[in-house]
Amino acid sequence: MRSIWTGSVAFGLVNIPIKLYSAVQDRALDFDMLDKKDMANIHFKRVNANTGKEVAWGNIVKGYNLDGKYVVLTDKDFESAAPEKTKTIDLHLFVDVTEVDVILYDSAYYLAPAKGGERAFGLLEEALNKTGMAGVGTFVLRNKEKPVLVRSAHGLLILHTLRFLNEIRDPSDFTVKTPAPKKNELTMAKSLVTSMQSTFNIADFKDGYTAKLMKVIRAKASGKKLPAPKVSVPKFADDLIEQLQQSLTRPAKATKTVKKSAKKAAPKKRTK
C-alpha cells in the first residue's frame, strides 16, 4: 500500500518521521449513466446558461457570489489564502479521547513510522494507550489546514481530521419538545436497554444491500427473474407501556445471537 503523505509528528521537542495511509475505502458499486435506447454512455457538457453553447475549460473561471455580484478568483488568489505548507503534524495539546464529540470526526488515516522513527513512534503509541489520551493539533493536507486528533487503537496510531465548529449545524436548531417520561416508563425503558447491553463489534453488521444488489445484477445478466421482495411491517401496540412490556417479555433468543458473536469477535489483548 502506498502512503499518501510523508512527514513527521511533533509534540514538545520530539519529532517522529511518519507515513500517512488512508484508513477507509469506498465499497459502493459503481454505476454508469446510459441512454436506454442504445446503452451508450452519457457525457456531460459545460454549457453557457445564456447562450446554450459549450464552454472550453480554458474559458472557465471560478467566481464567488458576493451580494448578488460575482467576484472572480485566480489561482494566485487561492494561493494567497492557502495555509503555509509544512511536512509536520503539530500536536499542541493532549486530551481525554472522550472529550472530543464524535460529530467532529471526519476522515481517518493510519500512521506508520518512517525509517528511523520506529522507537519514538512506539513510545508515543504506548503513552497514548496507557493514558487514554489523544494528541490534538493541526495538519495541512491538499492545501487545506484541518484540526486533527491522533489516538492509539489496535496497537496503531490513527489520525482523524476534525471538522471546524462552523461546519457543525447548531443543535439548538433541531431541539424538539418532548413530555417528561413517566416514572414507570423510564424504569422499564432502562431495564430494556440494560437487557440488550452487549459488546460492540462492527463485524456483526454486514452490508446486505450491496450483496443483494449484486445478486440482482447477476440474475438480470443471466436472464433470471428474482421473486419480489417481502415487505414486513412490524405491528406494535399503541400503548407505550404495553410496547415496553412486550419488549421485555419477548424471547431472549432475539438478542443472544448478537451478544455471542460480539463476544467471540472481541479484539485480543494487546501484546508488545
C-alpha atoms as a PDB file:
ATOM      1  CA  MET A   1       0.000   0.000   0.000  1.00  0.00           C
ATOM      2  CA  ARG A   2       1.397   3.387  -0.977  1.00  0.00           C
ATOM      3  CA  SER A   3       1.433   6.224   1.527  1.00  0.00           C
ATOM      4  CA  ILE A   4      -0.440   9.393   0.569  1.00  0.00           C
ATOM      5  CA  TRP A   5       1.769  11.725   2.619  1.00  0.00           C
ATOM      6  CA  THR A   6       5.133  11.641   4.352  1.00  0.00           C
ATOM      7  CA  GLY A   7       6.331  13.985   7.058  1.00  0.00           C
ATOM      8  CA  SER A   8       6.529  13.942  10.830  1.00  0.00           C
ATOM      9  CA  VAL A   9       4.507  14.112  14.035  1.00  0.00           C
ATOM     10  CA  ALA A  10       5.810  16.638  16.529  1.00  0.00           C
ATOM     11  CA  PHE A  11       4.998  17.135  20.219  1.00  0.00           C
ATOM     12  CA  GLY A  12       7.213  19.108  22.541  1.00  0.00           C
ATOM     13  CA  LEU A  13      10.727  18.790  21.129  1.00  0.00           C
ATOM     14  CA  VAL A  14      10.077  15.266  19.854  1.00  0.00           C
ATOM     15  CA  ASN A  15       9.842  14.868  16.072  1.00  0.00           C
ATOM     16  CA  ILE A  16       8.827  11.480  14.643  1.00  0.00           C
ATOM     17  CA  PRO A  17       9.149  10.739  10.895  1.00  0.00           C
ATOM     18  CA  ILE A  18       5.934   9.077   9.702  1.00  0.00           C
ATOM     19  CA  LYS A  19       3.935   7.956   6.678  1.00  0.00           C
ATOM     20  CA  LEU A  20       0.202   8.521   6.265  1.00  0.00           C
ATOM     21  CA  TYR A  21      -2.195   5.956   4.776  1.00  0.00           C
ATOM     22  CA  SER A  22      -5.927   6.196   4.124  1.00  0.00           C
ATOM     23  CA  ALA A  23      -7.824   4.060   6.649  1.00  0.00           C
ATOM     24  CA  VAL A  24     -11.094   3.824   4.688  1.00  0.00           C
ATOM     25  CA  GLN A  25     -12.152   2.747   1.219  1.00  0.00           C
ATOM     26  CA  ASP A  26     -15.403   3.100  -0.685  1.00  0.00           C
ATOM     27  CA  ARG A  27     -17.092  -0.259  -1.341  1.00  0.00           C
ATOM     28  CA  ALA A  28     -20.187   1.088  -3.126  1.00  0.00           C
ATOM     29  CA  LEU A  29     -20.981  -0.322  -6.571  1.00  0.00           C
ATOM     30  CA  ASP A  30     -20.001   1.957  -9.449  1.00  0.00           C
ATOM     31  CA  PHE A  31     -22.761   2.696 -11.960  1.00  0.00           C
ATOM     32  CA  ASP A  32     -22.560   4.432 -15.334  1.00  0.00           C
ATOM     33  CA  MET A  33     -25.328   6.613 -16.752  1.00  0.00           C
ATOM     34  CA  LEU A  34     -26.562   5.214 -20.087  1.00  0.00           C
ATOM     35  CA  ASP A  35     -29.049   6.083 -22.811  1.00  0.00           C
ATOM     36  CA  LYS A  36     -31.733   3.382 -22.506  1.00  0.00           C
ATOM     37  CA  LYS A  37     -32.221   3.389 -26.301  1.00  0.00           C
ATOM     38  CA  ASP A  38     -28.762   2.041 -27.190  1.00  0.00           C
ATOM     39  CA  MET A  39     -26.894   1.738 -23.868  1.00  0.00           C
ATOM     40  CA  ALA A  40     -24.446   4.476 -24.902  1.00  0.00           C
ATOM     41  CA  ASN A  41     -22.607   6.323 -22.150  1.00  0.00           C
ATOM     42  CA  ILE A  42     -23.922   9.741 -21.183  1.00  0.00           C
ATOM     43  CA  HIS A  43     -21.439  12.624 -21.306  1.00  0.00           C
ATOM     44  CA  PHE A  44     -21.887  15.971 -19.623  1.00  0.00           C
ATOM     45  CA  LYS A  45     -21.017  19.251 -21.278  1.00  0.00           C
ATOM     46  CA  ARG A  46     -20.109  22.594 -19.758  1.00  0.00           C
ATOM     47  CA  VAL A  47     -22.765  24.875 -21.241  1.00  0.00           C
ATOM     48  CA  ASN A  48     -23.192  28.647 -21.000  1.00  0.00           C
ATOM     49  CA  ALA A  49     -26.554  29.300 -19.316  1.00  0.00           C
ATOM     50  CA  ASN A  50     -27.181  32.358 -21.527  1.00  0.00           C
ATOM     51  CA  THR A  51     -26.091  31.137 -24.965  1.00  0.00           C
ATOM     52  CA  GLY A  52     -26.568  27.386 -24.575  1.00  0.00           C
ATOM     53  CA  LYS A  53     -23.133  26.862 -26.181  1.00  0.00           C
ATOM     54  CA  GLU A  54     -20.422  24.600 -24.807  1.00  0.00           C
ATOM     55  CA  VAL A  55     -17.588  26.377 -22.982  1.00  0.00           C
ATOM     56  CA  ALA A  56     -13.954  25.249 -23.230  1.00  0.00           C
ATOM     57  CA  TRP A  57     -12.075  24.536 -19.994  1.00  0.00           C
ATOM     58  CA  GLY A  58      -9.697  27.415 -20.737  1.00  0.00           C
ATOM     59  CA  ASN A  59     -12.580  29.905 -20.614  1.00  0.00           C
ATOM     60  CA  ILE A  60     -13.988  28.730 -17.291  1.00  0.00           C
ATOM     61  CA  VAL A  61     -13.183  30.737 -14.150  1.00  0.00           C
ATOM     62  CA  LYS A  62     -14.222  30.421 -10.521  1.00  0.00           C
ATOM     63  CA  GLY A  63     -16.447  33.109  -9.050  1.00  0.00           C
ATOM     64  CA  TYR A  64     -17.994  33.796  -5.657  1.00  0.00           C
ATOM     65  CA  ASN A  65     -21.423  35.406  -5.454  1.00  0.00           C
ATOM     66  CA  LEU A  66     -20.963  38.317  -3.066  1.00  0.00           C
ATOM     67  CA  ASP A  67     -24.113  40.369  -2.516  1.00  0.00           C
ATOM     68  CA  GLY A  68     -25.508  39.435  -5.919  1.00  0.00           C
ATOM     69  CA  LYS A  69     -22.312  40.140  -7.851  1.00  0.00           C
ATOM     70  CA  TYR A  70     -19.651  37.609  -8.847  1.00  0.00           C
ATOM     71  CA  VAL A  71     -16.055  38.119  -7.722  1.00  0.00           C
ATOM     72  CA  VAL A  72     -13.701  36.111  -9.960  1.00  0.00           C
ATOM     73  CA  LEU A  73     -10.718  34.459  -8.266  1.00  0.00           C
ATOM     74  CA  THR A  74      -7.471  33.414  -9.951  1.00  0.00           C
ATOM     75  CA  ASP A  75      -5.008  30.682  -8.979  1.00  0.00           C
ATOM     76  CA  LYS A  76      -2.853  33.353  -7.286  1.00  0.00           C
ATOM     77  CA  ASP A  77      -5.833  34.426  -5.174  1.00  0.00           C
ATOM     78  CA  PHE A  78      -6.293  30.877  -3.909  1.00  0.00           C
ATOM     79  CA  GLU A  79      -2.563  30.544  -3.260  1.00  0.00           C
ATOM     80  CA  SER A  80      -2.511  33.743  -1.206  1.00  0.00           C
ATOM     81  CA  ALA A  81      -5.180  32.300   1.109  1.00  0.00           C
ATOM     82  CA  ALA A  82      -3.662  28.810   1.312  1.00  0.00           C
ATOM     83  CA  PRO A  83      -2.056  27.794   4.622  1.00  0.00           C
ATOM     84  CA  GLU A  84       1.709  27.525   4.830  1.00  0.00           C
ATOM     85  CA  LYS A  85       2.693  24.111   3.530  1.00  0.00           C
ATOM     86  CA  THR A  86       4.550  22.114   6.136  1.00  0.00           C
ATOM     87  CA  LYS A  87       5.540  18.488   6.487  1.00  0.00           C
ATOM     88  CA  THR A  88       4.686  18.353  10.161  1.00  0.00           C
ATOM     89  CA  ILE A  89       1.626  17.285  12.131  1.00  0.00           C
ATOM     90  CA  ASP A  90       1.933  19.553  15.165  1.00  0.00           C
ATOM     91  CA  LEU A  91       0.272  18.225  18.324  1.00  0.00           C
ATOM     92  CA  HIS A  92      -0.402  21.264  20.513  1.00  0.00           C
ATOM     93  CA  LEU A  93      -2.128  19.549  23.452  1.00  0.00           C
ATOM     94  CA  PHE A  94      -3.331  16.200  24.764  1.00  0.00           C
ATOM     95  CA  VAL A  95      -6.889  15.494  25.891  1.00  0.00           C
ATOM     96  CA  ASP A  96      -9.010  12.609  27.085  1.00  0.00           C
ATOM     97  CA  VAL A  97     -10.407  10.928  23.961  1.00  0.00           C
ATOM     98  CA  THR A  98     -13.942  11.126  25.372  1.00  0.00           C
ATOM     99  CA  GLU A  99     -13.756  14.945  25.425  1.00  0.00           C
ATOM    100  CA  VAL A 100     -13.992  15.117  21.632  1.00  0.00           C
ATOM    101  CA  ASP A 101     -17.566  14.741  20.380  1.00  0.00           C
ATOM    102  CA  VAL A 102     -17.802  12.104  17.638  1.00  0.00           C
ATOM    103  CA  ILE A 103     -19.735  14.555  15.435  1.00  0.00           C
ATOM    104  CA  LEU A 104     -16.423  16.361  14.875  1.00  0.00           C
ATOM    105  CA  TYR A 105     -14.700  13.307  13.388  1.00  0.00           C
ATOM    106  CA  ASP A 106     -14.149  13.465   9.623  1.00  0.00           C
ATOM    107  CA  SER A 107     -11.674  11.287   7.679  1.00  0.00           C
ATOM    108  CA  ALA A 108      -9.435   8.621   9.202  1.00  0.00           C
ATOM    109  CA  TYR A 109      -5.842   7.730   8.396  1.00  0.00           C
ATOM    110  CA  TYR A 110      -3.309   5.197   9.656  1.00  0.00           C
ATOM    111  CA  LEU A 111       0.102   6.430  10.722  1.00  0.00           C
ATOM    112  CA  ALA A 112       3.231   4.317  10.365  1.00  0.00           C
ATOM    113  CA  PRO A 113       6.814   5.146  11.312  1.00  0.00           C
ATOM    114  CA  ALA A 114       9.238   6.093   8.558  1.00  0.00           C
ATOM    115  CA  LYS A 115      12.803   4.825   8.674  1.00  0.00           C
ATOM    116  CA  GLY A 116      14.483   5.892  11.897  1.00  0.00           C
ATOM    117  CA  GLY A 117      11.244   6.761  13.686  1.00  0.00           C
ATOM    118  CA  GLU A 118      10.250   3.321  14.950  1.00  0.00           C
ATOM    119  CA  ARG A 119      11.353   3.764  18.570  1.00  0.00           C
ATOM    120  CA  ALA A 120       9.801   7.209  19.091  1.00  0.00           C
ATOM    121  CA  PHE A 121       6.642   6.115  17.239  1.00  0.00           C
ATOM    122  CA  GLY A 122       6.215   3.101  19.514  1.00  0.00           C
ATOM    123  CA  LEU A 123       6.810   5.281  22.566  1.00  0.00           C
ATOM    124  CA  LEU A 124       4.081   7.758  21.572  1.00  0.00           C
ATOM    125  CA  GLU A 125       1.618   4.958  20.793  1.00  0.00           C
ATOM    126  CA  GLU A 126       2.251   3.274  24.132  1.00  0.00           C
ATOM    127  CA  ALA A 127       1.998   6.558  26.046  1.00  0.00           C
ATOM    128  CA  LEU A 128      -1.361   7.378  24.461  1.00  0.00           C
ATOM    129  CA  ASN A 129      -2.620   3.857  25.046  1.00  0.00           C
ATOM    130  CA  LYS A 130      -1.656   3.824  28.734  1.00  0.00           C
ATOM    131  CA  THR A 131      -3.030   7.301  29.471  1.00  0.00           C
ATOM    132  CA  GLY A 132      -6.192   7.111  27.350  1.00  0.00           C
ATOM    133  CA  MET A 133      -5.209  10.465  25.900  1.00  0.00           C
ATOM    134  CA  ALA A 134      -5.155  11.737  22.318  1.00  0.00           C
ATOM    135  CA  GLY A 135      -2.987  14.383  20.714  1.00  0.00           C
ATOM    136  CA  VAL A 136      -4.771  17.362  19.144  1.00  0.00           C
ATOM    137  CA  GLY A 137      -3.182  19.733  16.674  1.00  0.00           C
ATOM    138  CA  THR A 138      -3.176  20.925  13.078  1.00  0.00           C
ATOM    139  CA  PHE A 139      -2.257  19.415   9.740  1.00  0.00           C
ATOM    140  CA  VAL A 140      -2.108  20.677   6.150  1.00  0.00           C
ATOM    141  CA  LEU A 141      -3.213  18.162   3.506  1.00  0.00           C
ATOM    142  CA  ARG A 142      -4.005  19.057  -0.101  1.00  0.00           C
ATOM    143  CA  ASN A 143      -3.672  22.798   0.620  1.00  0.00           C
ATOM    144  CA  LYS A 144      -6.231  22.670   3.443  1.00  0.00           C
ATOM    145  CA  GLU A 145      -5.431  23.061   7.101  1.00  0.00           C
ATOM    146  CA  LYS A 146      -7.532  20.932   9.416  1.00  0.00           C
ATOM    147  CA  PRO A 147      -7.599  20.278  13.143  1.00  0.00           C
ATOM    148  CA  VAL A 148      -6.585  16.688  13.841  1.00  0.00           C
ATOM    149  CA  LEU A 149      -6.723  14.125  16.607  1.00  0.00           C
ATOM    150  CA  VAL A 150      -4.146  11.339  16.955  1.00  0.00           C
ATOM    151  CA  ARG A 151      -5.112   8.361  19.118  1.00  0.00           C
ATOM    152  CA  SER A 152      -3.927   4.854  19.873  1.00  0.00           C
ATOM    153  CA  ALA A 153      -6.021   1.892  18.725  1.00  0.00           C
ATOM    154  CA  HIS A 154      -5.211  -1.747  17.930  1.00  0.00           C
ATOM    155  CA  GLY A 155      -1.521  -1.109  18.571  1.00  0.00           C
ATOM    156  CA  LEU A 156      -1.511   1.619  15.928  1.00  0.00           C
ATOM    157  CA  LEU A 157      -1.722   5.386  15.744  1.00  0.00           C
ATOM    158  CA  ILE A 158      -4.817   6.642  13.945  1.00  0.00           C
ATOM    159  CA  LEU A 159      -5.170  10.234  12.766  1.00  0.00           C
ATOM    160  CA  HIS A 160      -8.647  11.737  12.438  1.00  0.00           C
ATOM    161  CA  THR A 161      -9.154  15.027  10.676  1.00  0.00           C
ATOM    162  CA  LEU A 162     -11.733  17.049  12.585  1.00  0.00           C
ATOM    163  CA  ARG A 163     -14.431  19.402  11.366  1.00  0.00           C
ATOM    164  CA  PHE A 164     -14.309  23.070  12.312  1.00  0.00           C
ATOM    165  CA  LEU A 165     -17.067  24.306  14.603  1.00  0.00           C
ATOM    166  CA  ASN A 166     -18.642  26.393  11.818  1.00  0.00           C
ATOM    167  CA  GLU A 167     -19.144  23.178   9.823  1.00  0.00           C
ATOM    168  CA  ILE A 168     -21.430  21.762  12.509  1.00  0.00           C
ATOM    169  CA  ARG A 169     -25.052  22.846  12.499  1.00  0.00           C
ATOM    170  CA  ASP A 170     -26.204  24.329  15.778  1.00  0.00           C
ATOM    171  CA  PRO A 171     -28.021  21.519  17.651  1.00  0.00           C
ATOM    172  CA  SER A 172     -30.393  24.092  19.152  1.00  0.00           C
ATOM    173  CA  ASP A 173     -31.924  24.444  15.682  1.00  0.00           C
ATOM    174  CA  PHE A 174     -33.121  20.842  15.979  1.00  0.00           C
ATOM    175  CA  THR A 175     -34.318  20.872  19.575  1.00  0.00           C
ATOM    176  CA  VAL A 176     -37.734  19.274  19.981  1.00  0.00           C
ATOM    177  CA  LYS A 177     -40.031  19.490  22.968  1.00  0.00           C
ATOM    178  CA  THR A 178     -40.991  16.144  24.454  1.00  0.00           C
ATOM    179  CA  PRO A 179     -43.086  15.362  27.529  1.00  0.00           C
ATOM    180  CA  ALA A 180     -41.222  14.155  30.598  1.00  0.00           C
ATOM    181  CA  PRO A 181     -41.347  10.330  30.805  1.00  0.00           C
ATOM    182  CA  LYS A 182     -43.426   8.731  33.499  1.00  0.00           C
ATOM    183  CA  LYS A 183     -41.504   7.018  36.279  1.00  0.00           C
ATOM    184  CA  ASN A 184     -42.677   3.504  35.383  1.00  0.00           C
ATOM    185  CA  GLU A 185     -41.969   4.115  31.683  1.00  0.00           C
ATOM    186  CA  LEU A 186     -38.415   5.235  32.434  1.00  0.00           C
ATOM    187  CA  THR A 187     -37.829   2.265  34.745  1.00  0.00           C
ATOM    188  CA  MET A 188     -38.961  -0.199  32.069  1.00  0.00           C
ATOM    189  CA  ALA A 189     -37.016   1.585  29.324  1.00  0.00           C
ATOM    190  CA  LYS A 190     -33.822   1.417  31.405  1.00  0.00           C
ATOM    191  CA  SER A 191     -34.454  -2.284  32.054  1.00  0.00           C
ATOM    192  CA  LEU A 192     -34.891  -2.908  28.325  1.00  0.00           C
ATOM    193  CA  VAL A 193     -31.674  -1.053  27.471  1.00  0.00           C
ATOM    194  CA  THR A 194     -29.770  -2.994  30.146  1.00  0.00           C
ATOM    195  CA  SER A 195     -31.177  -6.331  28.959  1.00  0.00           C
ATOM    196  CA  MET A 196     -29.963  -5.590  25.418  1.00  0.00           C
ATOM    197  CA  GLN A 197     -26.498  -4.500  26.520  1.00  0.00           C
ATOM    198  CA  SER A 198     -23.692  -6.206  24.636  1.00  0.00           C
ATOM    199  CA  THR A 199     -20.177  -5.708  23.297  1.00  0.00           C
ATOM    200  CA  PHE A 200     -19.878  -3.614  20.144  1.00  0.00           C
ATOM    201  CA  ASN A 201     -18.202  -5.242  17.156  1.00  0.00           C
ATOM    202  CA  ILE A 202     -18.666  -3.665  13.721  1.00  0.00           C
ATOM    203  CA  ALA A 203     -18.052  -7.096  12.138  1.00  0.00           C
ATOM    204  CA  ASP A 204     -21.543  -8.071  13.309  1.00  0.00           C
ATOM    205  CA  PHE A 205     -23.025  -5.583  10.834  1.00  0.00           C
ATOM    206  CA  LYS A 206     -22.970  -6.604   7.168  1.00  0.00           C
ATOM    207  CA  ASP A 207     -23.635  -4.575   4.027  1.00  0.00           C
ATOM    208  CA  GLY A 208     -26.665  -6.607   2.994  1.00  0.00           C
ATOM    209  CA  TYR A 209     -27.900  -4.064   0.450  1.00  0.00           C
ATOM    210  CA  THR A 210     -24.776  -4.219  -1.742  1.00  0.00           C
ATOM    211  CA  ALA A 211     -24.752  -8.026  -1.639  1.00  0.00           C
ATOM    212  CA  LYS A 212     -28.449  -8.227  -2.620  1.00  0.00           C
ATOM    213  CA  LEU A 213     -27.997  -5.630  -5.349  1.00  0.00           C
ATOM    214  CA  MET A 214     -25.089  -7.614  -6.811  1.00  0.00           C
ATOM    215  CA  LYS A 215     -27.332 -10.705  -6.750  1.00  0.00           C
ATOM    216  CA  VAL A 216     -29.972  -8.775  -8.700  1.00  0.00           C
ATOM    217  CA  ILE A 217     -27.349  -7.660 -11.245  1.00  0.00           C
ATOM    218  CA  ARG A 218     -26.079 -11.213 -11.802  1.00  0.00           C
ATOM    219  CA  ALA A 219     -29.637 -12.557 -12.075  1.00  0.00           C
ATOM    220  CA  LYS A 220     -30.613  -9.964 -14.704  1.00  0.00           C
ATOM    221  CA  ALA A 221     -27.390 -10.631 -16.621  1.00  0.00           C
ATOM    222  CA  SER A 222     -28.268 -14.347 -16.826  1.00  0.00           C
ATOM    223  CA  GLY A 223     -31.926 -13.720 -17.669  1.00  0.00           C
ATOM    224  CA  LYS A 224     -33.272 -14.978 -14.339  1.00  0.00           C
ATOM    225  CA  LYS A 225     -36.165 -13.342 -12.545  1.00  0.00           C
ATOM    226  CA  LEU A 226     -35.924 -12.993  -8.805  1.00  0.00           C
ATOM    227  CA  PRO A 227     -39.042 -13.176  -6.631  1.00  0.00           C
ATOM    228  CA  ALA A 228     -40.448  -9.879  -5.404  1.00  0.00           C
ATOM    229  CA  PRO A 229     -39.020  -8.890  -2.009  1.00  0.00           C
ATOM    230  CA  LYS A 230     -41.215  -9.447   1.008  1.00  0.00           C
ATOM    231  CA  VAL A 231     -42.136  -6.338   2.929  1.00  0.00           C
ATOM    232  CA  SER A 232     -42.744  -6.942   6.616  1.00  0.00           C
ATOM    233  CA  VAL A 233     -44.442  -4.258   8.645  1.00  0.00           C
ATOM    234  CA  PRO A 234     -43.997  -4.714  12.403  1.00  0.00           C
ATOM    235  CA  LYS A 235     -47.119  -4.374  14.494  1.00  0.00           C
ATOM    236  CA  PHE A 236     -46.816  -2.660  17.830  1.00  0.00           C
ATOM    237  CA  ALA A 237     -49.308  -1.791  20.493  1.00  0.00           C
ATOM    238  CA  ASP A 238     -50.451   1.825  20.610  1.00  0.00           C
ATOM    239  CA  ASP A 239     -49.767   1.986  24.334  1.00  0.00           C
ATOM    240  CA  LEU A 240     -46.123   2.773  25.233  1.00  0.00           C
ATOM    241  CA  ILE A 241     -46.228   0.713  28.437  1.00  0.00           C
ATOM    242  CA  GLU A 242     -47.512  -2.288  26.513  1.00  0.00           C
ATOM    243  CA  GLN A 243     -44.730  -1.891  23.940  1.00  0.00           C
ATOM    244  CA  LEU A 244     -42.143  -1.910  26.710  1.00  0.00           C
ATOM    245  CA  GLN A 245     -43.720  -4.910  28.403  1.00  0.00           C
ATOM    246  CA  GLN A 246     -43.801  -6.866  25.161  1.00  0.00           C
ATOM    247  CA  SER A 247     -40.152  -5.985  24.529  1.00  0.00           C
ATOM    248  CA  LEU A 248     -39.087  -7.143  27.972  1.00  0.00           C
ATOM    249  CA  THR A 249     -41.021 -10.419  27.791  1.00  0.00           C
ATOM    250  CA  ARG A 250     -40.048 -11.392  24.250  1.00  0.00           C
ATOM    251  CA  PRO A 251     -37.821 -14.484  23.899  1.00  0.00           C
ATOM    252  CA  ALA A 252     -34.233 -13.810  24.950  1.00  0.00           C
ATOM    253  CA  LYS A 253     -33.074 -15.603  21.773  1.00  0.00           C
ATOM    254  CA  ALA A 254     -33.607 -12.378  19.824  1.00  0.00           C
ATOM    255  CA  THR A 255     -30.627 -10.704  21.493  1.00  0.00           C
ATOM    256  CA  LYS A 256     -28.386 -13.647  22.367  1.00  0.00           C
ATOM    257  CA  THR A 257     -27.085 -14.058  18.823  1.00  0.00           C
ATOM    258  CA  VAL A 258     -25.612 -10.584  18.700  1.00  0.00           C
ATOM    259  CA  LYS A 259     -24.154 -10.876  22.192  1.00  0.00           C
ATOM    260  CA  LYS A 260     -22.486 -14.188  21.426  1.00  0.00           C
ATOM    261  CA  SER A 261     -20.992 -13.109  18.100  1.00  0.00           C
ATOM    262  CA  ALA A 262     -19.823  -9.792  19.557  1.00  0.00           C
ATOM    263  CA  LYS A 263     -18.117 -11.522  22.454  1.00  0.00           C
ATOM    264  CA  LYS A 264     -16.437 -14.028  20.173  1.00  0.00           C
ATOM    265  CA  ALA A 265     -15.146 -11.348  17.843  1.00  0.00           C
ATOM    266  CA  ALA A 266     -13.823  -9.058  20.582  1.00  0.00           C
ATOM    267  CA  PRO A 267     -10.260  -7.894  19.871  1.00  0.00           C
ATOM    268  CA  LYS A 268      -7.476  -9.767  21.555  1.00  0.00           C
ATOM    269  CA  LYS A 269      -5.446  -8.175  24.304  1.00  0.00           C
ATOM    270  CA  ARG A 270      -2.529  -6.057  23.205  1.00  0.00           C
ATOM    271  CA  THR A 271       0.855  -7.708  23.093  1.00  0.00           C
ATOM    272  CA  LYS A 272       4.139  -5.943  22.812  1.00  0.00           C
END
